[in-house]
């Protein structure tokens, strides 16, 4: 393995009160999307679309696990987990989460995220763009349940839907 400059840890997010006493913890959505889509473009140019998707999904997975540990905290009750997640995502301006199918015992979920940080308001492209979100949701679900999930976006703002819809199914062990 090679030396790494930036292995992720929650401390990399910094002390926002100290570092941004005048601007605070928020920024315009355009600047987030500028970073996301320029990074994605460079990754696609160098490695191809499939590899860029895989890297975004993997980063989302790591983020979902870290978000679970550092924002939600360990949860044992499925309803409380979903409630805290809905509150956190809305409070941080990520999106409005709704569970359409919620079967934690079977490991089946269908969920939507409206006003999604990544794509709401973008032009229709004919393909979904929320692969990072797929990884993020998989990381959250695995952290909560201890089971691995396959998460797929089935509707996206960019495919004509007005909400992002994801299926999540537990993978056979």
N, C-alpha and C. Protein backbone atom coordinates (compact mmCIF):
# COMPACT_ATOMS: atom_id res chain seq x y z
N UNK A 1 0.85 -1.19 0.00
CA UNK A 1 0.00 0.00 0.00
C UNK A 1 0.89 1.24 0.00
N UNK A 2 0.44 2.26 -0.63
CA UNK A 2 1.22 3.49 -0.73
C UNK A 2 0.85 4.46 0.39
N UNK A 3 1.75 5.42 0.60
CA UNK A 3 1.47 6.45 1.60
C UNK A 3 0.29 7.28 1.16
N UNK A 4 -0.54 7.61 2.12
CA UNK A 4 -1.73 8.41 1.82
C UNK A 4 -1.63 9.73 2.57
N UNK A 5 -2.00 10.80 1.90
CA UNK A 5 -2.01 12.11 2.52
C UNK A 5 -3.30 12.36 3.30
N UNK A 6 -4.41 11.81 2.82
CA UNK A 6 -5.72 12.18 3.37
C UNK A 6 -6.60 10.99 3.71
N UNK A 7 -6.14 10.02 4.50
CA UNK A 7 -7.10 8.99 4.91
C UNK A 7 -8.23 9.67 5.69
N UNK A 8 -9.46 9.30 5.39
CA UNK A 8 -10.58 10.03 5.98
C UNK A 8 -10.71 9.78 7.47
N UNK A 9 -10.98 10.85 8.19
CA UNK A 9 -11.43 10.82 9.57
C UNK A 9 -12.29 12.06 9.76
N UNK A 10 -13.22 11.97 10.69
CA UNK A 10 -14.22 13.02 10.88
C UNK A 10 -13.59 14.38 11.15
N UNK A 11 -12.41 14.39 11.77
CA UNK A 11 -11.73 15.64 12.07
C UNK A 11 -11.36 16.45 10.84
N UNK A 12 -11.28 15.79 9.66
CA UNK A 12 -10.98 16.53 8.44
C UNK A 12 -12.08 17.56 8.10
N UNK A 13 -13.25 17.41 8.70
CA UNK A 13 -14.31 18.39 8.45
C UNK A 13 -14.03 19.71 9.15
N UNK A 14 -13.15 19.66 10.15
CA UNK A 14 -12.69 20.88 10.80
C UNK A 14 -13.64 21.45 11.84
N UNK A 15 -13.20 22.53 12.41
CA UNK A 15 -13.98 23.29 13.40
C UNK A 15 -14.59 24.47 12.65
N UNK A 16 -15.83 24.33 12.26
CA UNK A 16 -16.47 25.34 11.42
C UNK A 16 -16.73 26.64 12.16
N UNK A 17 -16.97 26.57 13.46
CA UNK A 17 -17.17 27.80 14.23
C UNK A 17 -15.89 28.62 14.27
N UNK A 18 -14.77 27.95 14.45
CA UNK A 18 -13.49 28.64 14.49
C UNK A 18 -13.07 29.11 13.10
N UNK A 19 -13.24 28.26 12.11
CA UNK A 19 -12.76 28.56 10.77
C UNK A 19 -13.65 29.46 9.94
N UNK A 20 -14.94 29.51 10.26
CA UNK A 20 -15.88 30.33 9.48
C UNK A 20 -16.77 31.15 10.42
N UNK A 21 -16.17 32.03 11.23
CA UNK A 21 -16.97 32.77 12.20
C UNK A 21 -17.97 33.74 11.57
N UNK A 22 -17.71 34.18 10.35
CA UNK A 22 -18.62 35.12 9.69
C UNK A 22 -19.56 34.44 8.70
N UNK A 23 -19.07 33.41 8.00
CA UNK A 23 -19.88 32.77 6.97
C UNK A 23 -20.70 31.60 7.50
N UNK A 24 -20.25 30.99 8.58
CA UNK A 24 -20.99 29.87 9.16
C UNK A 24 -20.82 28.59 8.37
N UNK A 25 -21.64 27.58 8.69
CA UNK A 25 -21.44 26.24 8.14
C UNK A 25 -22.10 26.00 6.78
N UNK A 26 -22.72 26.99 6.17
CA UNK A 26 -23.43 26.75 4.92
C UNK A 26 -22.74 27.42 3.74
N UNK A 27 -22.99 26.89 2.56
CA UNK A 27 -22.49 27.46 1.31
C UNK A 27 -23.58 27.26 0.25
N UNK A 28 -23.46 27.95 -0.84
CA UNK A 28 -24.43 27.83 -1.92
C UNK A 28 -24.33 26.46 -2.58
N UNK A 29 -25.46 25.94 -2.99
CA UNK A 29 -25.54 24.64 -3.64
C UNK A 29 -24.71 24.58 -4.92
N UNK A 30 -24.65 25.68 -5.64
CA UNK A 30 -23.90 25.70 -6.89
C UNK A 30 -22.43 25.34 -6.67
N UNK A 31 -21.83 25.78 -5.57
CA UNK A 31 -20.42 25.52 -5.33
C UNK A 31 -20.19 24.04 -5.02
N UNK A 32 -21.12 23.42 -4.31
CA UNK A 32 -21.04 21.98 -4.06
C UNK A 32 -21.14 21.21 -5.38
N UNK A 33 -22.11 21.59 -6.20
CA UNK A 33 -22.28 20.90 -7.49
C UNK A 33 -21.12 21.16 -8.43
N UNK A 34 -20.54 22.36 -8.37
CA UNK A 34 -19.36 22.65 -9.16
C UNK A 34 -18.23 21.69 -8.80
N UNK A 35 -17.99 21.48 -7.52
CA UNK A 35 -16.96 20.55 -7.09
C UNK A 35 -17.31 19.12 -7.52
N UNK A 36 -18.54 18.72 -7.28
CA UNK A 36 -18.96 17.35 -7.59
C UNK A 36 -18.82 17.04 -9.08
N UNK A 37 -19.37 17.89 -9.92
CA UNK A 37 -19.42 17.57 -11.35
C UNK A 37 -18.10 17.81 -12.07
N UNK A 38 -17.26 18.74 -11.60
CA UNK A 38 -15.94 18.87 -12.20
C UNK A 38 -15.06 17.69 -11.80
N UNK A 39 -15.15 17.26 -10.54
CA UNK A 39 -14.41 16.07 -10.10
C UNK A 39 -14.85 14.86 -10.89
N UNK A 40 -16.15 14.72 -11.05
CA UNK A 40 -16.68 13.59 -11.81
C UNK A 40 -16.19 13.62 -13.26
N UNK A 41 -16.19 14.80 -13.87
CA UNK A 41 -15.73 14.94 -15.25
C UNK A 41 -14.27 14.51 -15.39
N UNK A 42 -13.42 14.96 -14.48
CA UNK A 42 -12.00 14.60 -14.53
C UNK A 42 -11.82 13.10 -14.33
N UNK A 43 -12.54 12.52 -13.37
CA UNK A 43 -12.45 11.07 -13.15
C UNK A 43 -12.90 10.30 -14.40
N UNK A 44 -13.99 10.74 -15.03
CA UNK A 44 -14.47 10.07 -16.24
C UNK A 44 -13.46 10.18 -17.38
N UNK A 45 -12.84 11.36 -17.53
CA UNK A 45 -11.86 11.53 -18.59
C UNK A 45 -10.66 10.60 -18.39
N UNK A 46 -10.24 10.44 -17.15
CA UNK A 46 -9.05 9.63 -16.87
C UNK A 46 -9.34 8.14 -16.78
N UNK A 47 -10.50 7.76 -16.23
CA UNK A 47 -10.75 6.36 -15.91
C UNK A 47 -11.99 5.76 -16.56
N UNK A 48 -12.84 6.57 -17.19
CA UNK A 48 -14.07 6.08 -17.79
C UNK A 48 -15.25 6.21 -16.84
N UNK A 49 -16.43 6.13 -17.42
CA UNK A 49 -17.67 6.34 -16.65
C UNK A 49 -17.88 5.28 -15.59
N UNK A 50 -17.67 4.01 -15.93
CA UNK A 50 -17.91 2.95 -14.95
C UNK A 50 -17.01 3.10 -13.73
N UNK A 51 -15.74 3.41 -13.97
CA UNK A 51 -14.81 3.58 -12.85
C UNK A 51 -15.18 4.80 -12.02
N UNK A 52 -15.57 5.89 -12.69
CA UNK A 52 -15.98 7.10 -11.96
C UNK A 52 -17.20 6.79 -11.09
N UNK A 53 -18.17 6.07 -11.65
CA UNK A 53 -19.34 5.67 -10.86
C UNK A 53 -18.92 4.84 -9.65
N UNK A 54 -18.04 3.88 -9.88
CA UNK A 54 -17.60 3.01 -8.78
C UNK A 54 -16.89 3.82 -7.69
N UNK A 55 -16.07 4.78 -8.08
CA UNK A 55 -15.37 5.61 -7.10
C UNK A 55 -16.34 6.50 -6.33
N UNK A 56 -17.31 7.09 -7.03
CA UNK A 56 -18.31 7.91 -6.35
C UNK A 56 -19.14 7.07 -5.39
N UNK A 57 -19.52 5.87 -5.82
CA UNK A 57 -20.31 4.98 -4.97
C UNK A 57 -19.50 4.59 -3.72
N UNK A 58 -18.22 4.28 -3.92
CA UNK A 58 -17.36 3.90 -2.80
C UNK A 58 -17.18 5.06 -1.82
N UNK A 59 -17.00 6.26 -2.34
CA UNK A 59 -16.88 7.44 -1.48
C UNK A 59 -18.19 7.68 -0.72
N UNK A 60 -19.32 7.51 -1.40
CA UNK A 60 -20.61 7.65 -0.74
C UNK A 60 -20.78 6.63 0.37
N UNK A 61 -20.33 5.40 0.13
CA UNK A 61 -20.42 4.35 1.15
C UNK A 61 -19.63 4.74 2.39
N UNK A 62 -18.40 5.20 2.20
CA UNK A 62 -17.58 5.65 3.33
C UNK A 62 -18.27 6.81 4.06
N UNK A 63 -18.82 7.74 3.30
CA UNK A 63 -19.52 8.88 3.91
C UNK A 63 -20.74 8.41 4.70
N UNK A 64 -21.50 7.45 4.16
CA UNK A 64 -22.67 6.93 4.87
C UNK A 64 -22.30 6.30 6.20
N UNK A 65 -21.21 5.52 6.21
CA UNK A 65 -20.75 4.89 7.45
C UNK A 65 -20.32 5.95 8.46
N UNK A 66 -19.57 6.94 8.01
CA UNK A 66 -19.10 8.01 8.90
C UNK A 66 -20.26 8.87 9.41
N UNK A 67 -21.22 9.15 8.53
CA UNK A 67 -22.40 9.93 8.91
C UNK A 67 -23.17 9.19 9.99
N UNK A 68 -23.33 7.90 9.81
CA UNK A 68 -24.04 7.09 10.81
C UNK A 68 -23.35 7.19 12.16
N UNK A 69 -22.06 6.99 12.19
CA UNK A 69 -21.31 7.00 13.45
C UNK A 69 -21.26 8.37 14.10
N UNK A 70 -21.07 9.42 13.30
CA UNK A 70 -20.78 10.74 13.85
C UNK A 70 -21.96 11.69 13.92
N UNK A 71 -23.01 11.42 13.17
CA UNK A 71 -24.19 12.29 13.20
C UNK A 71 -25.37 11.58 13.85
N UNK A 72 -25.67 10.37 13.40
CA UNK A 72 -26.83 9.66 13.93
C UNK A 72 -26.52 8.93 15.23
N UNK A 73 -25.34 8.39 15.34
CA UNK A 73 -25.01 7.57 16.50
C UNK A 73 -25.67 6.21 16.36
N UNK A 74 -25.15 5.26 17.09
CA UNK A 74 -25.66 3.89 17.01
C UNK A 74 -27.14 3.85 17.38
N UNK A 75 -27.89 3.12 16.56
CA UNK A 75 -29.33 2.98 16.74
C UNK A 75 -29.68 1.50 16.73
N UNK A 76 -30.66 1.13 17.52
CA UNK A 76 -31.12 -0.27 17.48
C UNK A 76 -32.56 -0.37 16.99
N UNK A 77 -33.33 0.68 17.14
CA UNK A 77 -34.72 0.68 16.72
C UNK A 77 -34.84 1.23 15.30
N UNK A 78 -35.39 0.44 14.35
CA UNK A 78 -35.49 0.90 12.96
C UNK A 78 -36.26 2.21 12.80
N UNK A 79 -37.36 2.36 13.53
CA UNK A 79 -38.14 3.59 13.41
C UNK A 79 -37.38 4.81 13.89
N UNK A 80 -36.65 4.65 14.97
CA UNK A 80 -35.84 5.76 15.50
C UNK A 80 -34.70 6.09 14.53
N UNK A 81 -34.09 5.06 13.95
CA UNK A 81 -33.04 5.27 12.95
C UNK A 81 -33.56 6.12 11.79
N UNK A 82 -34.70 5.73 11.23
CA UNK A 82 -35.26 6.47 10.10
C UNK A 82 -35.63 7.89 10.51
N UNK A 83 -36.23 8.05 11.68
CA UNK A 83 -36.61 9.39 12.15
C UNK A 83 -35.41 10.31 12.31
N UNK A 84 -34.34 9.78 12.93
CA UNK A 84 -33.13 10.60 13.10
C UNK A 84 -32.49 10.92 11.75
N UNK A 85 -32.52 9.95 10.83
CA UNK A 85 -31.96 10.18 9.51
C UNK A 85 -32.76 11.24 8.76
N UNK A 86 -34.09 11.15 8.81
CA UNK A 86 -34.92 12.17 8.15
C UNK A 86 -34.62 13.56 8.70
N UNK A 87 -34.55 13.66 10.00
CA UNK A 87 -34.29 14.93 10.67
C UNK A 87 -32.91 15.48 10.27
N UNK A 88 -31.89 14.62 10.28
CA UNK A 88 -30.54 15.07 9.96
C UNK A 88 -30.42 15.50 8.49
N UNK A 89 -30.97 14.72 7.57
CA UNK A 89 -30.86 15.06 6.16
C UNK A 89 -31.59 16.36 5.84
N UNK A 90 -32.76 16.53 6.41
CA UNK A 90 -33.50 17.77 6.18
C UNK A 90 -32.80 18.95 6.85
N UNK A 91 -32.37 18.76 8.09
CA UNK A 91 -31.71 19.84 8.83
C UNK A 91 -30.42 20.31 8.18
N UNK A 92 -29.72 19.41 7.52
CA UNK A 92 -28.46 19.77 6.86
C UNK A 92 -28.67 20.20 5.41
N UNK A 93 -29.91 20.20 4.95
CA UNK A 93 -30.21 20.64 3.60
C UNK A 93 -29.84 19.62 2.52
N UNK A 94 -29.74 18.34 2.90
CA UNK A 94 -29.39 17.30 1.94
C UNK A 94 -30.60 16.89 1.12
N UNK A 95 -31.76 16.80 1.75
CA UNK A 95 -32.97 16.40 1.06
C UNK A 95 -34.02 15.95 2.05
N UNK A 96 -35.19 15.66 1.52
CA UNK A 96 -36.33 15.22 2.32
C UNK A 96 -36.54 13.73 2.07
N UNK A 97 -36.24 12.92 3.09
CA UNK A 97 -36.32 11.47 2.99
C UNK A 97 -37.72 10.97 3.33
N UNK A 98 -38.20 10.05 2.50
CA UNK A 98 -39.49 9.39 2.76
C UNK A 98 -39.31 7.91 2.47
N UNK A 99 -39.80 7.07 3.36
CA UNK A 99 -39.74 5.63 3.15
C UNK A 99 -41.05 5.19 2.49
N UNK A 100 -40.96 4.58 1.32
CA UNK A 100 -42.15 4.05 0.64
C UNK A 100 -42.39 2.60 1.04
N UNK A 101 -41.32 1.83 1.12
CA UNK A 101 -41.38 0.45 1.59
C UNK A 101 -40.35 0.32 2.69
N UNK A 102 -40.78 -0.17 3.83
CA UNK A 102 -39.89 -0.24 4.98
C UNK A 102 -40.06 -1.59 5.64
N UNK A 103 -39.20 -2.55 5.26
CA UNK A 103 -39.24 -3.91 5.81
C UNK A 103 -37.86 -4.27 6.35
N UNK A 104 -37.50 -3.71 7.52
CA UNK A 104 -36.16 -3.94 8.04
C UNK A 104 -35.86 -5.41 8.33
N UNK A 105 -36.85 -6.21 8.70
CA UNK A 105 -36.61 -7.63 8.98
C UNK A 105 -36.22 -8.38 7.71
N UNK A 106 -36.85 -8.03 6.59
CA UNK A 106 -36.55 -8.67 5.31
C UNK A 106 -35.35 -8.02 4.62
N UNK A 107 -35.04 -6.79 5.01
CA UNK A 107 -33.94 -6.08 4.37
C UNK A 107 -34.34 -5.43 3.06
N UNK A 108 -35.62 -5.07 2.92
CA UNK A 108 -36.11 -4.43 1.70
C UNK A 108 -36.59 -3.02 2.01
N UNK A 109 -36.14 -2.10 1.18
CA UNK A 109 -36.54 -0.70 1.34
C UNK A 109 -36.73 -0.08 -0.03
N UNK A 110 -37.68 0.82 -0.12
CA UNK A 110 -37.77 1.76 -1.23
C UNK A 110 -37.90 3.12 -0.56
N UNK A 111 -37.01 4.01 -0.93
CA UNK A 111 -37.03 5.33 -0.30
C UNK A 111 -36.86 6.41 -1.36
N UNK A 112 -37.36 7.57 -1.02
CA UNK A 112 -37.21 8.71 -1.92
C UNK A 112 -36.50 9.83 -1.17
N UNK A 113 -35.78 10.62 -1.94
CA UNK A 113 -35.18 11.83 -1.41
C UNK A 113 -35.59 12.96 -2.34
N UNK A 114 -36.45 13.82 -1.85
CA UNK A 114 -36.90 14.98 -2.62
C UNK A 114 -35.97 16.15 -2.34
N UNK A 115 -35.92 17.08 -3.26
CA UNK A 115 -35.04 18.25 -3.16
C UNK A 115 -33.60 17.81 -2.91
N UNK A 116 -33.21 16.75 -3.60
CA UNK A 116 -31.90 16.13 -3.42
C UNK A 116 -30.77 17.10 -3.72
N UNK A 117 -29.78 17.09 -2.86
CA UNK A 117 -28.60 17.95 -2.98
C UNK A 117 -27.90 17.77 -4.32
N UNK A 118 -27.85 16.55 -4.82
CA UNK A 118 -27.07 16.26 -6.01
C UNK A 118 -27.74 16.62 -7.32
N UNK A 119 -29.07 16.51 -7.41
CA UNK A 119 -29.64 16.61 -8.76
C UNK A 119 -30.92 17.43 -8.90
N UNK A 120 -31.62 17.72 -7.85
CA UNK A 120 -32.90 18.43 -8.01
C UNK A 120 -32.68 19.76 -8.73
N UNK A 121 -33.44 19.93 -9.81
CA UNK A 121 -33.34 21.15 -10.60
C UNK A 121 -32.39 21.06 -11.78
N UNK A 122 -31.67 19.95 -11.91
CA UNK A 122 -30.76 19.80 -13.05
C UNK A 122 -31.57 19.50 -14.32
N UNK A 123 -30.96 19.71 -15.48
CA UNK A 123 -31.66 19.36 -16.72
C UNK A 123 -31.78 17.84 -16.87
N UNK A 124 -32.77 17.41 -17.63
CA UNK A 124 -32.91 15.98 -17.91
C UNK A 124 -31.78 15.55 -18.83
N UNK A 125 -31.12 14.46 -18.44
CA UNK A 125 -30.00 13.94 -19.21
C UNK A 125 -30.27 12.55 -19.76
N UNK A 126 -31.33 11.91 -19.27
CA UNK A 126 -31.63 10.55 -19.69
C UNK A 126 -30.94 9.49 -18.83
N UNK A 127 -30.14 9.91 -17.88
CA UNK A 127 -29.50 8.95 -16.97
C UNK A 127 -29.41 9.56 -15.57
N UNK A 128 -29.51 8.70 -14.57
CA UNK A 128 -29.41 9.15 -13.19
C UNK A 128 -28.00 9.56 -12.84
N UNK A 129 -27.86 10.42 -11.85
CA UNK A 129 -26.55 10.91 -11.46
C UNK A 129 -26.21 10.62 -9.99
N UNK A 130 -27.08 9.96 -9.28
CA UNK A 130 -26.94 9.87 -7.82
C UNK A 130 -26.23 8.60 -7.35
N UNK A 131 -25.12 8.24 -8.01
CA UNK A 131 -24.39 7.04 -7.59
C UNK A 131 -23.72 7.25 -6.23
N UNK A 132 -23.31 8.46 -5.93
CA UNK A 132 -22.76 8.76 -4.60
C UNK A 132 -23.83 8.46 -3.54
N UNK A 133 -25.06 8.87 -3.82
CA UNK A 133 -26.17 8.62 -2.90
C UNK A 133 -26.42 7.12 -2.72
N UNK A 134 -26.27 6.34 -3.80
CA UNK A 134 -26.41 4.89 -3.67
C UNK A 134 -25.43 4.35 -2.63
N UNK A 135 -24.19 4.77 -2.72
CA UNK A 135 -23.19 4.34 -1.75
C UNK A 135 -23.48 4.85 -0.36
N UNK A 136 -23.91 6.10 -0.27
CA UNK A 136 -24.22 6.72 1.03
C UNK A 136 -25.32 5.93 1.74
N UNK A 137 -26.38 5.60 1.02
CA UNK A 137 -27.50 4.85 1.61
C UNK A 137 -27.03 3.44 2.00
N UNK A 138 -26.24 2.80 1.15
CA UNK A 138 -25.73 1.47 1.47
C UNK A 138 -24.87 1.51 2.74
N UNK A 139 -24.05 2.54 2.88
CA UNK A 139 -23.22 2.69 4.07
C UNK A 139 -24.04 2.90 5.32
N UNK A 140 -25.09 3.70 5.22
CA UNK A 140 -26.00 3.92 6.35
C UNK A 140 -26.68 2.62 6.77
N UNK A 141 -27.24 1.92 5.78
CA UNK A 141 -27.99 0.69 6.08
C UNK A 141 -27.09 -0.40 6.64
N UNK A 142 -25.89 -0.55 6.10
CA UNK A 142 -24.97 -1.55 6.63
C UNK A 142 -24.55 -1.20 8.05
N UNK A 143 -24.29 0.07 8.30
CA UNK A 143 -23.89 0.49 9.65
C UNK A 143 -25.00 0.23 10.65
N UNK A 144 -26.24 0.47 10.25
CA UNK A 144 -27.38 0.25 11.14
C UNK A 144 -27.63 -1.24 11.36
N UNK A 145 -27.64 -2.02 10.28
CA UNK A 145 -28.11 -3.40 10.37
C UNK A 145 -27.01 -4.45 10.49
N UNK A 146 -25.80 -4.10 10.07
CA UNK A 146 -24.73 -5.09 10.02
C UNK A 146 -24.79 -5.97 8.78
N UNK A 147 -25.73 -5.70 7.88
CA UNK A 147 -25.88 -6.47 6.64
C UNK A 147 -25.50 -5.61 5.44
N UNK A 148 -24.96 -6.24 4.41
CA UNK A 148 -24.58 -5.53 3.20
C UNK A 148 -25.80 -5.34 2.30
N UNK A 149 -25.87 -4.18 1.65
CA UNK A 149 -27.00 -3.84 0.80
C UNK A 149 -26.56 -3.48 -0.61
N UNK A 150 -27.42 -3.81 -1.55
CA UNK A 150 -27.31 -3.31 -2.91
C UNK A 150 -28.35 -2.20 -3.03
N UNK A 151 -27.89 -1.00 -3.30
CA UNK A 151 -28.78 0.16 -3.43
C UNK A 151 -28.70 0.65 -4.87
N UNK A 152 -29.85 0.84 -5.50
CA UNK A 152 -29.91 1.32 -6.88
C UNK A 152 -30.89 2.46 -6.99
N UNK A 153 -30.49 3.49 -7.70
CA UNK A 153 -31.40 4.59 -8.01
C UNK A 153 -32.27 4.15 -9.17
N UNK A 154 -33.59 4.22 -9.00
CA UNK A 154 -34.51 3.79 -10.05
C UNK A 154 -35.26 4.97 -10.67
N UNK A 155 -35.30 6.10 -10.00
CA UNK A 155 -35.86 7.35 -10.53
C UNK A 155 -34.93 8.48 -10.12
N UNK A 156 -34.77 9.46 -10.99
CA UNK A 156 -33.89 10.60 -10.72
C UNK A 156 -34.48 11.83 -11.38
N UNK A 157 -34.19 12.99 -10.84
CA UNK A 157 -34.62 14.24 -11.45
C UNK A 157 -34.13 14.28 -12.90
N UNK A 158 -32.92 13.78 -13.13
CA UNK A 158 -32.30 13.85 -14.46
C UNK A 158 -32.90 12.86 -15.45
N UNK A 159 -33.76 11.95 -14.99
CA UNK A 159 -34.46 11.04 -15.91
C UNK A 159 -35.94 11.40 -16.01
N UNK A 160 -36.30 12.55 -15.46
CA UNK A 160 -37.67 13.02 -15.57
C UNK A 160 -38.49 12.86 -14.31
N UNK A 161 -37.97 12.16 -13.31
CA UNK A 161 -38.67 12.06 -12.03
C UNK A 161 -38.50 13.36 -11.27
N UNK A 162 -39.37 13.63 -10.37
CA UNK A 162 -39.22 14.85 -9.60
C UNK A 162 -38.82 14.56 -8.16
N UNK A 163 -38.37 13.32 -7.97
CA UNK A 163 -37.76 12.89 -6.72
C UNK A 163 -36.80 11.77 -7.07
N UNK A 164 -35.80 11.57 -6.23
CA UNK A 164 -34.90 10.43 -6.44
C UNK A 164 -35.46 9.26 -5.65
N UNK A 165 -35.57 8.13 -6.32
CA UNK A 165 -36.12 6.91 -5.68
C UNK A 165 -35.03 5.85 -5.73
N UNK A 166 -34.86 5.18 -4.61
CA UNK A 166 -33.84 4.15 -4.48
C UNK A 166 -34.45 2.88 -3.96
N UNK A 167 -34.01 1.75 -4.51
CA UNK A 167 -34.33 0.45 -3.92
C UNK A 167 -33.11 0.00 -3.16
N UNK A 168 -33.36 -0.68 -2.04
CA UNK A 168 -32.27 -1.22 -1.24
C UNK A 168 -32.65 -2.64 -0.84
N UNK A 169 -31.80 -3.58 -1.21
CA UNK A 169 -32.05 -4.99 -0.89
C UNK A 169 -30.83 -5.57 -0.22
N UNK A 170 -31.06 -6.31 0.85
CA UNK A 170 -29.95 -6.94 1.54
C UNK A 170 -29.33 -8.00 0.63
N UNK A 171 -28.03 -8.05 0.61
CA UNK A 171 -27.33 -9.04 -0.21
C UNK A 171 -27.27 -10.36 0.56
N UNK A 172 -27.39 -11.45 -0.17
CA UNK A 172 -27.31 -12.77 0.47
C UNK A 172 -25.92 -12.93 1.08
N UNK A 173 -25.88 -13.52 2.28
CA UNK A 173 -24.57 -13.67 2.93
C UNK A 173 -23.88 -14.95 2.57
